[in-house]
Amino acid sequence: MQSFLYISLLILHIASPAKAHGYVAQVSIDGKIYMGNVPNAQPTSSIIRQIDDISPVKGATNPYMNCGQAAQLAALVADANPGSQFQFWWKDGDGTNWPHDIGPIMTYMTSCVGTTCDKYNSTNAEWFKIEETGLEPGNMTWYQQNIMNGEPANVTLPSNLAPGQYLIRHEIIALHLATELGGAEFYPSCTQVNILGNQTGTPTSSEEVTFPGGYSDTDPGIYDPTVFDTPVQYTFPGPPVATLVTSSSPSSGSSSSNLPAFTTATLVSSGASTSTPTATGQATCKLQAQQTLAMKKRHPGTLSRIMAVLIKGMHD
């Protein structure tokens, strides 16, 4: 009976067509909070580029890999400093906690060349990586679990970052379907900032990538048939973290998504709409994540193989 329930939960996890998704609802810079816009709602002034759909970007060659689903220029650009502390709050489509817990968190930056970021077309932007966060010590639990628990993703800018206007591309890759080629779900989000100071740190051209172009659907960190096997062995996709980060202070470029939020903050209101985008199956996806975690703990080392067989059988 227990085996029957186990297999039934696996089938539910794979077969359900409805998935919950999400977006960056707000960003904090050194404790000052900037609200974003609900996807597809009437836009208001923000530093976060608004997307029109909470669904994931699918496929590494998708043009929406750049800043998210049909991302629009934001009206504001926020000041920050080298070494500034950023927090990114991810929400489900219904405004509740982020629904996924498997996969990496990565952050990139690009200079808004020749203009200000509120006017910058990032289609051909060259991005450099400033942090990548995957598994907690022990390689059993992803830091993304903390975002599911309602905590922000914390990112520290490099302390030697040269001044100028930048886009920050903060991204979650959800890997709960990555046992199948093309199953990874990409959630990129872009925030517009103006870096102050007089530092000189810049990336080298070999450290920069475009989006799309920075990933392939066959990259080990995107197509991962053993993602549910524990302890997890994971390879980050994309370029390495830029040397300007590693030559900066030890804490720069690290994303400590398990840290608590600031206890005090100043809210910068954008008057953002609180209307909820239409999404089906949000509760289903949360249930699937809980079921997967339970199964992973009960059956370490076998779950990925069973899920791969079931997925193949459904497609045959």
C-alpha atoms as a PDB file:
ATOM      1  CA  MET A   1       0.000   0.000   0.000  1.00  0.00           C
ATOM      2  CA  GLN A   2       2.822   2.389   0.850  1.00  0.00           C
ATOM      3  CA  SER A   3       4.514   1.728  -2.499  1.00  0.00           C
ATOM      4  CA  PHE A   4       1.240   2.333  -4.307  1.00  0.00           C
ATOM      5  CA  LEU A   5       0.830   5.707  -2.598  1.00  0.00           C
ATOM      6  CA  TYR A   6       4.435   6.594  -3.385  1.00  0.00           C
ATOM      7  CA  ILE A   7       4.003   5.909  -7.109  1.00  0.00           C
ATOM      8  CA  SER A   8       0.636   7.693  -7.116  1.00  0.00           C
ATOM      9  CA  LEU A   9       2.230  10.830  -5.712  1.00  0.00           C
ATOM     10  CA  LEU A  10       4.942  10.673  -8.361  1.00  0.00           C
ATOM     11  CA  ILE A  11       2.356  10.433 -11.114  1.00  0.00           C
ATOM     12  CA  LEU A  12       0.445  13.377  -9.644  1.00  0.00           C
ATOM     13  CA  HIS A  13       3.628  15.428  -9.542  1.00  0.00           C
ATOM     14  CA  ILE A  14       4.388  14.821 -13.214  1.00  0.00           C
ATOM     15  CA  ALA A  15       0.994  14.564 -14.819  1.00  0.00           C
ATOM     16  CA  SER A  16      -0.768  17.626 -13.454  1.00  0.00           C
ATOM     17  CA  PRO A  17      -0.848  20.246 -16.234  1.00  0.00           C
ATOM     18  CA  ALA A  18      -1.314  23.185 -13.879  1.00  0.00           C
ATOM     19  CA  LYS A  19       1.678  24.778 -12.250  1.00  0.00           C
ATOM     20  CA  ALA A  20       2.051  27.725  -9.924  1.00  0.00           C
ATOM     21  CA  HIS A  21       4.564  30.365 -10.855  1.00  0.00           C
ATOM     22  CA  GLY A  22       5.670  33.787  -9.655  1.00  0.00           C
ATOM     23  CA  TYR A  23       7.641  37.007  -9.890  1.00  0.00           C
ATOM     24  CA  VAL A  24       9.753  39.521  -7.943  1.00  0.00           C
ATOM     25  CA  ALA A  25       7.230  41.540  -5.951  1.00  0.00           C
ATOM     26  CA  GLN A  26       9.653  43.928  -4.246  1.00  0.00           C
ATOM     27  CA  VAL A  27      13.318  44.759  -3.906  1.00  0.00           C
ATOM     28  CA  SER A  28      15.151  46.216  -0.920  1.00  0.00           C
ATOM     29  CA  ILE A  29      18.374  48.239  -1.295  1.00  0.00           C
ATOM     30  CA  ASP A  30      20.179  48.771   2.007  1.00  0.00           C
ATOM     31  CA  GLY A  31      16.846  48.503   3.802  1.00  0.00           C
ATOM     32  CA  LYS A  32      14.824  50.746   1.469  1.00  0.00           C
ATOM     33  CA  ILE A  33      11.994  48.816  -0.158  1.00  0.00           C
ATOM     34  CA  TYR A  34      10.874  49.404  -3.727  1.00  0.00           C
ATOM     35  CA  MET A  35       7.602  47.807  -4.759  1.00  0.00           C
ATOM     36  CA  GLY A  36       7.182  46.053  -8.071  1.00  0.00           C
ATOM     37  CA  ASN A  37       4.120  45.620 -10.249  1.00  0.00           C
ATOM     38  CA  VAL A  38       1.849  42.618 -10.370  1.00  0.00           C
ATOM     39  CA  PRO A  39       2.333  40.996 -13.782  1.00  0.00           C
ATOM     40  CA  ASN A  40      -0.168  42.229 -16.359  1.00  0.00           C
ATOM     41  CA  ALA A  41      -1.640  44.823 -13.976  1.00  0.00           C
ATOM     42  CA  GLN A  42      -1.836  48.535 -14.715  1.00  0.00           C
ATOM     43  CA  PRO A  43       1.813  49.620 -14.353  1.00  0.00           C
ATOM     44  CA  THR A  44       2.982  52.204 -11.855  1.00  0.00           C
ATOM     45  CA  SER A  45       6.408  53.722 -11.213  1.00  0.00           C
ATOM     46  CA  SER A  46       8.928  51.111 -10.104  1.00  0.00           C
ATOM     47  CA  ILE A  47      12.575  50.115 -10.476  1.00  0.00           C
ATOM     48  CA  ILE A  48      11.589  46.528 -11.369  1.00  0.00           C
ATOM     49  CA  ARG A  49      10.768  45.818 -15.001  1.00  0.00           C
ATOM     50  CA  GLN A  50       7.202  44.521 -15.159  1.00  0.00           C
ATOM     51  CA  ILE A  51       6.441  41.211 -16.843  1.00  0.00           C
ATOM     52  CA  ASP A  52       3.069  40.313 -18.323  1.00  0.00           C
ATOM     53  CA  ASP A  53       2.799  36.681 -17.220  1.00  0.00           C
ATOM     54  CA  ILE A  54       3.731  34.737 -14.097  1.00  0.00           C
ATOM     55  CA  SER A  55       4.498  31.641 -16.162  1.00  0.00           C
ATOM     56  CA  PRO A  56       8.127  30.556 -16.509  1.00  0.00           C
ATOM     57  CA  VAL A  57      10.282  31.221 -19.521  1.00  0.00           C
ATOM     58  CA  LYS A  58      10.759  27.862 -21.235  1.00  0.00           C
ATOM     59  CA  GLY A  59      13.748  27.035 -23.417  1.00  0.00           C
ATOM     60  CA  ALA A  60      17.216  28.553 -23.180  1.00  0.00           C
ATOM     61  CA  THR A  61      16.868  30.240 -26.596  1.00  0.00           C
ATOM     62  CA  ASN A  62      13.657  32.043 -25.660  1.00  0.00           C
ATOM     63  CA  PRO A  63      14.053  35.848 -26.118  1.00  0.00           C
ATOM     64  CA  TYR A  64      12.300  36.358 -22.769  1.00  0.00           C
ATOM     65  CA  MET A  65      15.389  34.857 -21.100  1.00  0.00           C
ATOM     66  CA  ASN A  66      16.628  38.437 -21.049  1.00  0.00           C
ATOM     67  CA  CYS A  67      14.439  40.015 -18.350  1.00  0.00           C
ATOM     68  CA  GLY A  68      11.333  37.834 -18.155  1.00  0.00           C
ATOM     69  CA  GLN A  69       8.040  37.457 -19.957  1.00  0.00           C
ATOM     70  CA  ALA A  70       7.591  40.508 -22.251  1.00  0.00           C
ATOM     71  CA  ALA A  71       9.410  42.674 -19.679  1.00  0.00           C
ATOM     72  CA  GLN A  72       8.789  46.405 -20.043  1.00  0.00           C
ATOM     73  CA  LEU A  73      11.067  49.316 -19.202  1.00  0.00           C
ATOM     74  CA  ALA A  74      10.578  50.526 -15.628  1.00  0.00           C
ATOM     75  CA  ALA A  75      10.071  54.230 -14.914  1.00  0.00           C
ATOM     76  CA  LEU A  76      12.533  54.601 -12.027  1.00  0.00           C
ATOM     77  CA  VAL A  77      16.240  54.031 -11.372  1.00  0.00           C
ATOM     78  CA  ALA A  78      17.347  53.593  -7.752  1.00  0.00           C
ATOM     79  CA  ASP A  79      20.670  54.727  -6.310  1.00  0.00           C
ATOM     80  CA  ALA A  80      22.931  52.102  -4.754  1.00  0.00           C
ATOM     81  CA  ASN A  81      26.585  51.787  -3.782  1.00  0.00           C
ATOM     82  CA  PRO A  82      29.362  49.270  -4.233  1.00  0.00           C
ATOM     83  CA  GLY A  83      28.766  46.728  -1.490  1.00  0.00           C
ATOM     84  CA  SER A  84      25.061  47.574  -1.157  1.00  0.00           C
ATOM     85  CA  GLN A  85      22.831  44.876   0.279  1.00  0.00           C
ATOM     86  CA  PHE A  86      19.943  43.833  -1.956  1.00  0.00           C
ATOM     87  CA  GLN A  87      16.969  41.676  -1.050  1.00  0.00           C
ATOM     88  CA  PHE A  88      14.605  40.206  -3.610  1.00  0.00           C
ATOM     89  CA  TRP A  89      11.165  39.043  -2.487  1.00  0.00           C
ATOM     90  CA  TRP A  90       9.649  36.434  -4.768  1.00  0.00           C
ATOM     91  CA  LYS A  91       5.917  35.771  -4.664  1.00  0.00           C
ATOM     92  CA  ASP A  92       3.470  33.287  -6.128  1.00  0.00           C
ATOM     93  CA  GLY A  93       0.897  34.592  -8.589  1.00  0.00           C
ATOM     94  CA  ASP A  94      -1.682  34.928  -5.826  1.00  0.00           C
ATOM     95  CA  GLY A  95       0.646  36.982  -3.612  1.00  0.00           C
ATOM     96  CA  THR A  96       1.578  34.118  -1.308  1.00  0.00           C
ATOM     97  CA  ASN A  97       5.001  32.538  -0.912  1.00  0.00           C
ATOM     98  CA  TRP A  98       7.120  31.427  -3.849  1.00  0.00           C
ATOM     99  CA  PRO A  99       6.006  27.864  -4.756  1.00  0.00           C
ATOM    100  CA  HIS A 100       9.252  26.118  -5.754  1.00  0.00           C
ATOM    101  CA  ASP A 101      12.199  24.743  -3.778  1.00  0.00           C
ATOM    102  CA  ILE A 102      14.512  22.966  -6.234  1.00  0.00           C
ATOM    103  CA  GLY A 103      17.134  24.790  -8.281  1.00  0.00           C
ATOM    104  CA  PRO A 104      19.705  27.603  -8.180  1.00  0.00           C
ATOM    105  CA  ILE A 105      19.494  31.352  -7.644  1.00  0.00           C
ATOM    106  CA  MET A 106      21.842  33.495  -9.726  1.00  0.00           C
ATOM    107  CA  THR A 107      22.393  37.214 -10.221  1.00  0.00           C
ATOM    108  CA  TYR A 108      23.896  39.045 -13.192  1.00  0.00           C
ATOM    109  CA  MET A 109      24.565  42.688 -14.015  1.00  0.00           C
ATOM    110  CA  THR A 110      24.986  44.673 -17.212  1.00  0.00           C
ATOM    111  CA  SER A 111      25.857  48.300 -17.866  1.00  0.00           C
ATOM    112  CA  CYS A 112      23.110  50.398 -19.463  1.00  0.00           C
ATOM    113  CA  VAL A 113      25.441  51.515 -22.228  1.00  0.00           C
ATOM    114  CA  GLY A 114      24.865  54.940 -23.751  1.00  0.00           C
ATOM    115  CA  THR A 115      21.727  55.834 -21.837  1.00  0.00           C
ATOM    116  CA  THR A 116      19.907  55.559 -18.532  1.00  0.00           C
ATOM    117  CA  CYS A 117      18.414  52.232 -17.532  1.00  0.00           C
ATOM    118  CA  ASP A 118      14.827  53.450 -17.793  1.00  0.00           C
ATOM    119  CA  LYS A 119      15.479  53.823 -21.539  1.00  0.00           C
ATOM    120  CA  TYR A 120      17.900  50.954 -22.084  1.00  0.00           C
ATOM    121  CA  ASN A 121      17.009  48.109 -24.465  1.00  0.00           C
ATOM    122  CA  SER A 122      18.776  45.088 -22.996  1.00  0.00           C
ATOM    123  CA  THR A 123      18.191  42.737 -25.943  1.00  0.00           C
ATOM    124  CA  ASN A 124      21.896  42.636 -26.823  1.00  0.00           C
ATOM    125  CA  ALA A 125      23.249  43.367 -23.352  1.00  0.00           C
ATOM    126  CA  GLU A 126      26.421  41.672 -22.118  1.00  0.00           C
ATOM    127  CA  TRP A 127      25.811  40.241 -18.640  1.00  0.00           C
ATOM    128  CA  PHE A 128      28.351  39.264 -15.987  1.00  0.00           C
ATOM    129  CA  LYS A 129      27.579  37.036 -13.019  1.00  0.00           C
ATOM    130  CA  ILE A 130      27.988  38.412  -9.498  1.00  0.00           C
ATOM    131  CA  GLU A 131      26.664  35.482  -7.470  1.00  0.00           C
ATOM    132  CA  GLU A 132      25.334  31.939  -7.637  1.00  0.00           C
ATOM    133  CA  THR A 133      23.615  30.101  -4.815  1.00  0.00           C
ATOM    134  CA  GLY A 134      22.660  26.452  -4.928  1.00  0.00           C
ATOM    135  CA  LEU A 135      22.665  23.933  -2.110  1.00  0.00           C
ATOM    136  CA  GLU A 136      22.961  24.367   1.609  1.00  0.00           C
ATOM    137  CA  PRO A 137      25.784  22.520   3.411  1.00  0.00           C
ATOM    138  CA  GLY A 138      25.232  18.793   3.114  1.00  0.00           C
ATOM    139  CA  ASN A 139      23.910  19.033  -0.468  1.00  0.00           C
ATOM    140  CA  MET A 140      20.426  17.908   0.520  1.00  0.00           C
ATOM    141  CA  THR A 141      18.411  21.144   0.560  1.00  0.00           C
ATOM    142  CA  TRP A 142      18.443  24.057  -1.875  1.00  0.00           C
ATOM    143  CA  TYR A 143      18.636  27.640  -0.644  1.00  0.00           C
ATOM    144  CA  GLN A 144      15.555  28.185  -2.800  1.00  0.00           C
ATOM    145  CA  GLN A 145      13.653  26.417  -0.014  1.00  0.00           C
ATOM    146  CA  ASN A 146      14.144  29.546   2.105  1.00  0.00           C
ATOM    147  CA  ILE A 147      12.397  31.633  -0.541  1.00  0.00           C
ATOM    148  CA  MET A 148       9.497  29.166  -0.469  1.00  0.00           C
ATOM    149  CA  ASN A 149       9.449  29.762   3.292  1.00  0.00           C
ATOM    150  CA  GLY A 150       8.878  33.486   2.679  1.00  0.00           C
ATOM    151  CA  GLU A 151      12.426  34.787   3.078  1.00  0.00           C
ATOM    152  CA  PRO A 152      14.112  37.068   0.531  1.00  0.00           C
ATOM    153  CA  ALA A 153      17.094  36.224  -1.619  1.00  0.00           C
ATOM    154  CA  ASN A 154      19.994  38.355  -0.338  1.00  0.00           C
ATOM    155  CA  VAL A 155      22.636  39.659  -2.723  1.00  0.00           C
ATOM    156  CA  THR A 156      25.666  41.833  -1.949  1.00  0.00           C
ATOM    157  CA  LEU A 157      27.028  43.979  -4.777  1.00  0.00           C
ATOM    158  CA  PRO A 158      30.782  43.835  -5.385  1.00  0.00           C
ATOM    159  CA  SER A 159      32.557  46.412  -3.228  1.00  0.00           C
ATOM    160  CA  ASN A 160      34.784  47.571  -6.113  1.00  0.00           C
ATOM    161  CA  LEU A 161      32.001  47.955  -8.723  1.00  0.00           C
ATOM    162  CA  ALA A 162      32.560  50.904 -11.064  1.00  0.00           C
ATOM    163  CA  PRO A 163      29.908  53.661 -10.993  1.00  0.00           C
ATOM    164  CA  GLY A 164      27.203  53.930 -13.601  1.00  0.00           C
ATOM    165  CA  GLN A 165      23.739  52.693 -14.455  1.00  0.00           C
ATOM    166  CA  TYR A 166      23.179  48.953 -14.399  1.00  0.00           C
ATOM    167  CA  LEU A 167      20.469  46.375 -14.803  1.00  0.00           C
ATOM    168  CA  ILE A 168      20.507  43.646 -12.175  1.00  0.00           C
ATOM    169  CA  ARG A 169      19.186  40.368 -13.584  1.00  0.00           C
ATOM    170  CA  HIS A 170      18.136  38.232 -10.634  1.00  0.00           C
ATOM    171  CA  GLU A 171      17.053  34.727 -11.589  1.00  0.00           C
ATOM    172  CA  ILE A 172      15.609  31.542 -10.182  1.00  0.00           C
ATOM    173  CA  ILE A 173      15.771  28.323 -12.188  1.00  0.00           C
ATOM    174  CA  ALA A 174      13.186  25.791 -10.990  1.00  0.00           C
ATOM    175  CA  LEU A 175      14.393  22.253 -11.666  1.00  0.00           C
ATOM    176  CA  HIS A 176      11.461  20.153 -10.460  1.00  0.00           C
ATOM    177  CA  LEU A 177      10.820  19.065 -14.087  1.00  0.00           C
ATOM    178  CA  ALA A 178      14.466  19.127 -15.206  1.00  0.00           C
ATOM    179  CA  THR A 179      14.729  15.333 -15.400  1.00  0.00           C
ATOM    180  CA  GLU A 180      13.261  15.872 -18.870  1.00  0.00           C
ATOM    181  CA  LEU A 181      15.083  17.832 -21.596  1.00  0.00           C
ATOM    182  CA  GLY A 182      13.486  21.276 -21.819  1.00  0.00           C
ATOM    183  CA  GLY A 183      11.757  20.875 -18.466  1.00  0.00           C
ATOM    184  CA  ALA A 184      13.670  23.590 -16.579  1.00  0.00           C
ATOM    185  CA  GLU A 185      11.696  26.718 -15.688  1.00  0.00           C
ATOM    186  CA  PHE A 186      13.474  30.076 -15.908  1.00  0.00           C
ATOM    187  CA  TYR A 187      12.347  33.103 -13.882  1.00  0.00           C
ATOM    188  CA  PRO A 188      14.541  36.131 -14.717  1.00  0.00           C
ATOM    189  CA  SER A 189      13.763  39.582 -13.318  1.00  0.00           C
ATOM    190  CA  CYS A 190      15.497  42.911 -14.022  1.00  0.00           C
ATOM    191  CA  THR A 191      15.956  45.849 -11.633  1.00  0.00           C
ATOM    192  CA  GLN A 192      17.276  49.288 -12.665  1.00  0.00           C
ATOM    193  CA  VAL A 193      19.977  50.875 -10.484  1.00  0.00           C
ATOM    194  CA  ASN A 194      22.498  53.721 -10.509  1.00  0.00           C
ATOM    195  CA  ILE A 195      25.770  52.793  -8.802  1.00  0.00           C
ATOM    196  CA  LEU A 196      27.503  55.676  -7.043  1.00  0.00           C
ATOM    197  CA  GLY A 197      31.097  56.002  -5.825  1.00  0.00           C
ATOM    198  CA  ASN A 198      34.459  56.013  -7.549  1.00  0.00           C
ATOM    199  CA  GLN A 199      35.477  52.368  -7.735  1.00  0.00           C
ATOM    200  CA  THR A 200      36.939  50.846 -10.901  1.00  0.00           C
ATOM    201  CA  GLY A 201      35.863  47.194 -10.996  1.00  0.00           C
ATOM    202  CA  THR A 202      34.547  45.974 -14.372  1.00  0.00           C
ATOM    203  CA  PRO A 203      34.190  42.505 -15.927  1.00  0.00           C
ATOM    204  CA  THR A 204      36.347  41.147 -18.727  1.00  0.00           C
ATOM    205  CA  SER A 205      34.697  40.430 -22.060  1.00  0.00           C
ATOM    206  CA  SER A 206      35.292  36.693 -21.605  1.00  0.00           C
ATOM    207  CA  GLU A 207      33.127  36.767 -18.464  1.00  0.00           C
ATOM    208  CA  GLU A 208      30.111  38.267 -20.246  1.00  0.00           C
ATOM    209  CA  VAL A 209      27.212  36.469 -21.905  1.00  0.00           C
ATOM    210  CA  THR A 210      23.986  37.418 -23.640  1.00  0.00           C
ATOM    211  CA  PHE A 211      20.480  36.225 -22.810  1.00  0.00           C
ATOM    212  CA  PRO A 212      19.470  34.242 -24.688  1.00  0.00           C
ATOM    213  CA  GLY A 213      22.865  32.751 -25.375  1.00  0.00           C
ATOM    214  CA  GLY A 214      24.251  32.278 -21.873  1.00  0.00           C
ATOM    215  CA  TYR A 215      22.703  28.838 -21.395  1.00  0.00           C
ATOM    216  CA  SER A 216      21.911  25.744 -23.409  1.00  0.00           C
ATOM    217  CA  ASP A 217      19.008  23.385 -22.708  1.00  0.00           C
ATOM    218  CA  THR A 218      21.543  20.565 -22.471  1.00  0.00           C
ATOM    219  CA  ASP A 219      23.752  22.254 -19.870  1.00  0.00           C
ATOM    220  CA  PRO A 220      24.238  19.960 -16.830  1.00  0.00           C
ATOM    221  CA  GLY A 221      22.702  22.546 -14.508  1.00  0.00           C
ATOM    222  CA  ILE A 222      19.580  22.868 -16.673  1.00  0.00           C
ATOM    223  CA  TYR A 223      18.943  19.313 -17.877  1.00  0.00           C
ATOM    224  CA  ASP A 224      19.565  17.231 -14.771  1.00  0.00           C
ATOM    225  CA  PRO A 225      18.249  13.632 -14.770  1.00  0.00           C
ATOM    226  CA  THR A 226      19.585  13.075 -11.237  1.00  0.00           C
ATOM    227  CA  VAL A 227      18.336  16.291  -9.633  1.00  0.00           C
ATOM    228  CA  PHE A 228      16.238  14.379  -7.073  1.00  0.00           C
ATOM    229  CA  ASP A 229      19.049  12.043  -6.041  1.00  0.00           C
ATOM    230  CA  THR A 230      20.713  12.920  -2.762  1.00  0.00           C
ATOM    231  CA  PRO A 231      23.227  14.155  -1.913  1.00  0.00           C
ATOM    232  CA  VAL A 232      22.758  16.428  -4.931  1.00  0.00           C
ATOM    233  CA  GLN A 233      25.687  16.956  -7.288  1.00  0.00           C
ATOM    234  CA  TYR A 234      25.076  20.213  -9.144  1.00  0.00           C
ATOM    235  CA  THR A 235      26.911  22.268 -11.773  1.00  0.00           C
ATOM    236  CA  PHE A 236      25.881  25.909 -12.216  1.00  0.00           C
ATOM    237  CA  PRO A 237      25.075  26.941 -15.781  1.00  0.00           C
ATOM    238  CA  GLY A 238      26.414  30.091 -17.388  1.00  0.00           C
ATOM    239  CA  PRO A 239      29.763  31.823 -16.901  1.00  0.00           C
ATOM    240  CA  PRO A 240      31.747  31.757 -13.668  1.00  0.00           C
ATOM    241  CA  VAL A 241      31.316  34.544 -11.160  1.00  0.00           C
ATOM    242  CA  ALA A 242      33.250  37.542 -12.489  1.00  0.00           C
ATOM    243  CA  THR A 243      36.759  38.117 -11.160  1.00  0.00           C
ATOM    244  CA  LEU A 244      35.823  41.637 -10.060  1.00  0.00           C
ATOM    245  CA  VAL A 245      33.673  39.890  -7.435  1.00  0.00           C
ATOM    246  CA  THR A 246      36.345  37.473  -6.274  1.00  0.00           C
ATOM    247  CA  SER A 247      38.863  40.321  -6.068  1.00  0.00           C
ATOM    248  CA  SER A 248      36.401  42.349  -4.025  1.00  0.00           C
ATOM    249  CA  SER A 249      35.724  41.912  -0.318  1.00  0.00           C
ATOM    250  CA  PRO A 250      35.068  38.316   0.833  1.00  0.00           C
ATOM    251  CA  SER A 251      31.336  38.905   1.268  1.00  0.00           C
ATOM    252  CA  SER A 252      30.780  40.581  -2.076  1.00  0.00           C
ATOM    253  CA  GLY A 253      28.783  38.645  -4.578  1.00  0.00           C
ATOM    254  CA  SER A 254      27.544  36.106  -2.065  1.00  0.00           C
ATOM    255  CA  SER A 255      23.858  35.343  -1.908  1.00  0.00           C
ATOM    256  CA  SER A 256      22.866  34.274   1.574  1.00  0.00           C
ATOM    257  CA  SER A 257      19.252  33.424   0.961  1.00  0.00           C
ATOM    258  CA  ASN A 258      18.983  31.812   4.375  1.00  0.00           C
ATOM    259  CA  LEU A 259      19.594  35.064   6.232  1.00  0.00           C
ATOM    260  CA  PRO A 260      16.659  36.891   7.845  1.00  0.00           C
ATOM    261  CA  ALA A 261      15.247  40.054   6.334  1.00  0.00           C
ATOM    262  CA  PHE A 262      16.208  43.487   7.643  1.00  0.00           C
ATOM    263  CA  THR A 263      14.290  44.280  10.780  1.00  0.00           C
ATOM    264  CA  THR A 264      13.677  47.856   9.676  1.00  0.00           C
ATOM    265  CA  ALA A 265      13.037  49.227   6.214  1.00  0.00           C
ATOM    266  CA  THR A 266      11.834  52.312   4.432  1.00  0.00           C
ATOM    267  CA  LEU A 267       9.028  51.662   1.995  1.00  0.00           C
ATOM    268  CA  VAL A 268       9.204  53.482  -1.334  1.00  0.00           C
ATOM    269  CA  SER A 269       5.648  53.229  -2.572  1.00  0.00           C
ATOM    270  CA  SER A 270       4.990  52.966  -6.270  1.00  0.00           C
ATOM    271  CA  GLY A 271       1.254  52.805  -5.838  1.00  0.00           C
ATOM    272  CA  ALA A 272       1.458  49.374  -7.404  1.00  0.00           C
ATOM    273  CA  SER A 273      -1.767  47.582  -8.076  1.00  0.00           C
ATOM    274  CA  THR A 274      -2.517  44.692  -5.765  1.00  0.00           C
ATOM    275  CA  SER A 275      -4.734  42.913  -8.243  1.00  0.00           C
ATOM    276  CA  THR A 276      -3.933  39.251  -8.694  1.00  0.00           C
ATOM    277  CA  PRO A 277      -3.052  37.776 -12.088  1.00  0.00           C
ATOM    278  CA  THR A 278      -4.997  34.797 -13.263  1.00  0.00           C
ATOM    279  CA  ALA A 279      -3.228  31.520 -12.593  1.00  0.00           C
ATOM    280  CA  THR A 280      -4.579  28.017 -12.210  1.00  0.00           C
ATOM    281  CA  GLY A 281      -3.173  25.237 -10.108  1.00  0.00           C
ATOM    282  CA  GLN A 282      -1.130  27.339  -7.691  1.00  0.00           C
ATOM    283  CA  ALA A 283      -2.130  25.197  -4.734  1.00  0.00           C
ATOM    284  CA  THR A 284      -1.427  22.081  -6.804  1.00  0.00           C
ATOM    285  CA  CYS A 285       2.168  23.092  -7.454  1.00  0.00           C
ATOM    286  CA  LYS A 286       2.765  23.800  -3.757  1.00  0.00           C
ATOM    287  CA  LEU A 287       1.333  20.374  -2.921  1.00  0.00           C
ATOM    288  CA  GLN A 288       3.580  18.790  -5.532  1.00  0.00           C
ATOM    289  CA  ALA A 289       6.639  20.445  -4.017  1.00  0.00           C
ATOM    290  CA  GLN A 290       5.717  19.187  -0.560  1.00  0.00           C
ATOM    291  CA  GLN A 291       5.128  15.680  -1.912  1.00  0.00           C
ATOM    292  CA  THR A 292       8.419  15.683  -3.765  1.00  0.00           C
ATOM    293  CA  LEU A 293      10.337  16.774  -0.660  1.00  0.00           C
ATOM    294  CA  ALA A 294       8.704  14.031   1.405  1.00  0.00           C
ATOM    295  CA  MET A 295       9.446  11.402  -1.232  1.00  0.00           C
ATOM    296  CA  LYS A 296      13.029  12.603  -1.580  1.00  0.00           C
ATOM    297  CA  LYS A 297      13.607  12.090   2.137  1.00  0.00           C
ATOM    298  CA  ARG A 298      12.009   8.620   2.100  1.00  0.00           C
ATOM    299  CA  HIS A 299      13.640   7.339  -1.071  1.00  0.00           C
ATOM    300  CA  PRO A 300      17.055   9.012  -1.520  1.00  0.00           C
ATOM    301  CA  GLY A 301      18.962   8.093  -4.652  1.00  0.00           C
ATOM    302  CA  THR A 302      16.025   6.560  -6.537  1.00  0.00           C
ATOM    303  CA  LEU A 303      13.500   9.329  -7.109  1.00  0.00           C
ATOM    304  CA  SER A 304      15.109  10.803 -10.225  1.00  0.00           C
ATOM    305  CA  ARG A 305      15.232   7.440 -11.950  1.00  0.00           C
ATOM    306  CA  ILE A 306      11.593   6.667 -11.190  1.00  0.00           C
ATOM    307  CA  MET A 307      10.443  10.097 -12.344  1.00  0.00           C
ATOM    308  CA  ALA A 308      12.460   9.813 -15.567  1.00  0.00           C
ATOM    309  CA  VAL A 309      10.812   6.465 -16.357  1.00  0.00           C
ATOM    310  CA  LEU A 310       7.350   7.852 -15.683  1.00  0.00           C
ATOM    311  CA  ILE A 311       7.963  10.951 -17.812  1.00  0.00           C
ATOM    312  CA  LYS A 312       9.233   8.793 -20.683  1.00  0.00           C
ATOM    313  CA  GLY A 313       6.207   6.513 -20.403  1.00  0.00           C
ATOM    314  CA  MET A 314       3.821   9.466 -20.587  1.00  0.00           C
ATOM    315  CA  HIS A 315       5.487  10.679 -23.806  1.00  0.00           C
ATOM    316  CA  ASP A 316       5.619   7.291 -25.537  1.00  0.00           C
END
